[in-house]
């Protein structure tokens, strides 16, 4: 049984959000934000549904977490996201001063690691990569294979 407080557990929660995006015809990216071992925000991509290019899972989760905490800064929070954040989301995460980012699959086309990596993040932000990487990558592959 998974510990409720493990990276694997929280990434599985993010994957559940990504599945919601998949079912809605959105690029299947899911995110959760955790504070004090509690999920305070859940989100998935909604760019098609909202006709908003900024409606990425990370942006939606940051907004929900900030609202929950009543603060625009998230230094004591961890973002779990199924796909490496893009530059837009990385900028928002930097401004939010997120304490930690844990992502699943790498994004070899638009991921922030291609453009400067960790140097783009707030100096105090910790970074974990590859959590449930295979499961996260498989969902993306399944989505794009069905589209082609």
Protein backbone atom coordinates (compact mmCIF):
# COMPACT_ATOMS: atom_id res chain seq x y z
CA UNK A 1 0.00 0.00 0.00
CA UNK A 2 1.25 3.48 -0.87
CA UNK A 3 1.98 5.97 1.86
CA UNK A 4 -0.37 8.91 1.53
CA UNK A 5 2.64 11.17 1.87
CA UNK A 6 4.81 9.69 -0.91
CA UNK A 7 5.77 11.25 -4.22
CA UNK A 8 4.29 8.20 -5.95
CA UNK A 9 0.93 8.67 -4.23
CA UNK A 10 0.69 12.34 -5.17
CA UNK A 11 1.82 11.71 -8.75
CA UNK A 12 -0.93 9.10 -9.07
CA UNK A 13 -3.35 11.84 -8.05
CA UNK A 14 -1.91 14.07 -10.79
CA UNK A 15 -2.28 11.18 -13.26
CA UNK A 16 -5.96 10.91 -12.30
CA UNK A 17 -6.31 14.58 -13.27
CA UNK A 18 -4.47 13.91 -16.54
CA UNK A 19 -6.97 11.13 -17.29
CA UNK A 20 -9.79 13.68 -16.89
CA UNK A 21 -8.08 15.87 -19.48
CA UNK A 22 -7.64 12.86 -21.79
CA UNK A 23 -11.34 11.99 -21.53
CA UNK A 24 -12.25 15.61 -22.33
CA UNK A 25 -10.05 15.65 -25.45
CA UNK A 26 -7.44 17.89 -23.83
CA UNK A 27 -3.71 17.22 -23.90
CA UNK A 28 -3.51 14.90 -20.86
CA UNK A 29 -1.58 16.85 -18.28
CA UNK A 30 -2.64 16.78 -14.65
CA UNK A 31 -1.38 18.54 -11.56
CA UNK A 32 -1.88 18.64 -7.82
CA UNK A 33 -0.39 21.02 -5.28
CA UNK A 34 0.36 19.74 -1.80
CA UNK A 35 0.83 21.74 1.39
CA UNK A 36 1.48 20.14 4.77
CA UNK A 37 0.80 16.69 3.29
CA UNK A 38 -2.65 17.77 2.03
CA UNK A 39 -3.74 18.25 -1.56
CA UNK A 40 -4.92 21.86 -1.74
CA UNK A 41 -5.37 22.09 -5.52
CA UNK A 42 -6.20 19.69 -8.36
CA UNK A 43 -6.21 20.66 -12.02
CA UNK A 44 -5.81 19.43 -15.56
CA UNK A 45 -5.38 21.07 -18.94
CA UNK A 46 -8.49 22.96 -20.04
CA UNK A 47 -7.21 24.95 -23.01
CA UNK A 48 -9.83 23.57 -25.40
CA UNK A 49 -12.74 23.73 -22.97
CA UNK A 50 -11.98 27.32 -21.95
CA UNK A 51 -10.54 28.40 -25.34
CA UNK A 52 -7.62 29.79 -23.36
CA UNK A 53 -4.02 28.97 -24.25
CA UNK A 54 -2.98 29.74 -20.67
CA UNK A 55 -5.30 27.13 -19.12
CA UNK A 56 -2.50 24.64 -18.49
CA UNK A 57 -2.81 22.30 -15.51
CA UNK A 58 0.00 24.07 -13.64
CA UNK A 59 -1.54 27.54 -14.06
CA UNK A 60 -4.96 26.30 -12.96
CA UNK A 61 -3.41 24.58 -9.93
CA UNK A 62 -1.37 27.65 -8.93
CA UNK A 63 -4.51 29.79 -9.04
CA UNK A 64 -6.49 27.31 -6.93
CA UNK A 65 -3.68 26.87 -4.38
CA UNK A 66 -3.13 30.61 -4.03
CA UNK A 67 -6.86 31.09 -3.50
CA UNK A 68 -6.94 28.29 -0.92
CA UNK A 69 -4.00 29.73 1.02
CA UNK A 70 -4.89 33.39 0.53
CA UNK A 71 -1.37 34.07 -0.72
CA UNK A 72 0.23 34.48 -4.12
CA UNK A 73 3.39 32.80 -2.84
CA UNK A 74 3.65 29.03 -2.42
CA UNK A 75 7.06 28.43 -0.78
CA UNK A 76 5.82 25.57 1.41
CA UNK A 77 4.06 23.74 -1.41
CA UNK A 78 4.96 21.00 -3.85
CA UNK A 79 3.57 20.84 -7.38
CA UNK A 80 3.17 17.33 -8.80
CA UNK A 81 2.65 17.47 -12.55
CA UNK A 82 2.62 14.65 -15.08
CA UNK A 83 4.61 16.52 -17.74
CA UNK A 84 7.63 18.79 -17.47
CA UNK A 85 6.36 22.39 -17.34
CA UNK A 86 6.64 24.66 -20.37
CA UNK A 87 8.28 28.08 -20.19
CA UNK A 88 4.99 29.87 -19.45
CA UNK A 89 4.21 27.59 -16.53
CA UNK A 90 7.80 27.74 -15.29
CA UNK A 91 7.55 31.53 -15.21
CA UNK A 92 4.34 31.34 -13.16
CA UNK A 93 5.91 28.79 -10.81
CA UNK A 94 8.92 31.07 -10.37
CA UNK A 95 6.73 34.07 -9.55
CA UNK A 96 4.72 31.92 -7.12
CA UNK A 97 8.00 30.92 -5.44
CA UNK A 98 6.85 27.30 -5.33
CA UNK A 99 8.92 25.29 -2.87
CA UNK A 100 9.23 22.14 -4.93
CA UNK A 101 8.32 20.81 -8.35
CA UNK A 102 8.03 17.09 -9.03
CA UNK A 103 7.25 16.04 -12.59
CA UNK A 104 6.75 12.76 -14.38
CA UNK A 105 7.59 12.74 -18.09
CA UNK A 106 10.05 15.04 -19.81
CA UNK A 107 8.76 17.28 -22.60
CA UNK A 108 11.41 17.06 -25.30
CA UNK A 109 9.76 19.76 -27.45
CA UNK A 110 8.59 22.47 -25.04
CA UNK A 111 9.91 21.61 -21.58
CA UNK A 112 11.77 24.26 -19.58
CA UNK A 113 14.86 22.05 -19.22
CA UNK A 114 15.61 22.77 -22.90
CA UNK A 115 15.81 26.50 -22.23
CA UNK A 116 17.90 26.90 -19.11
CA UNK A 117 16.62 24.25 -16.75
CA UNK A 118 16.77 24.81 -13.03
CA UNK A 119 18.27 28.29 -13.48
CA UNK A 120 14.81 29.43 -14.63
CA UNK A 121 13.23 28.50 -11.29
CA UNK A 122 13.15 30.48 -8.06
CA UNK A 123 16.53 29.91 -6.34
CA UNK A 124 14.89 28.07 -3.40
CA UNK A 125 12.73 25.76 -5.54
CA UNK A 126 13.70 22.10 -5.35
CA UNK A 127 13.23 19.91 -8.42
CA UNK A 128 12.46 16.20 -8.78
CA UNK A 129 12.14 14.54 -12.18
CA UNK A 130 10.94 11.21 -13.48
CA UNK A 131 8.33 10.28 -10.87
CA UNK A 132 6.14 7.60 -12.52
CA UNK A 133 7.79 8.73 -15.74
CA UNK A 134 6.71 5.72 -17.78
CA UNK A 135 3.04 5.98 -16.80
CA UNK A 136 3.00 9.72 -17.50
CA UNK A 137 4.73 9.32 -20.87
CA UNK A 138 2.46 6.42 -21.88
CA UNK A 139 -0.66 8.54 -21.36
CA UNK A 140 0.76 11.26 -23.63
CA UNK A 141 1.75 8.73 -26.28
CA UNK A 142 -1.70 7.13 -26.18
CA UNK A 143 -3.35 10.52 -26.61
CA UNK A 144 -1.28 11.61 -29.59
CA UNK A 145 -1.42 8.18 -31.25
CA UNK A 146 -5.23 8.36 -31.16
CA UNK A 147 -5.09 11.83 -32.77
CA UNK A 148 -2.94 10.76 -35.72
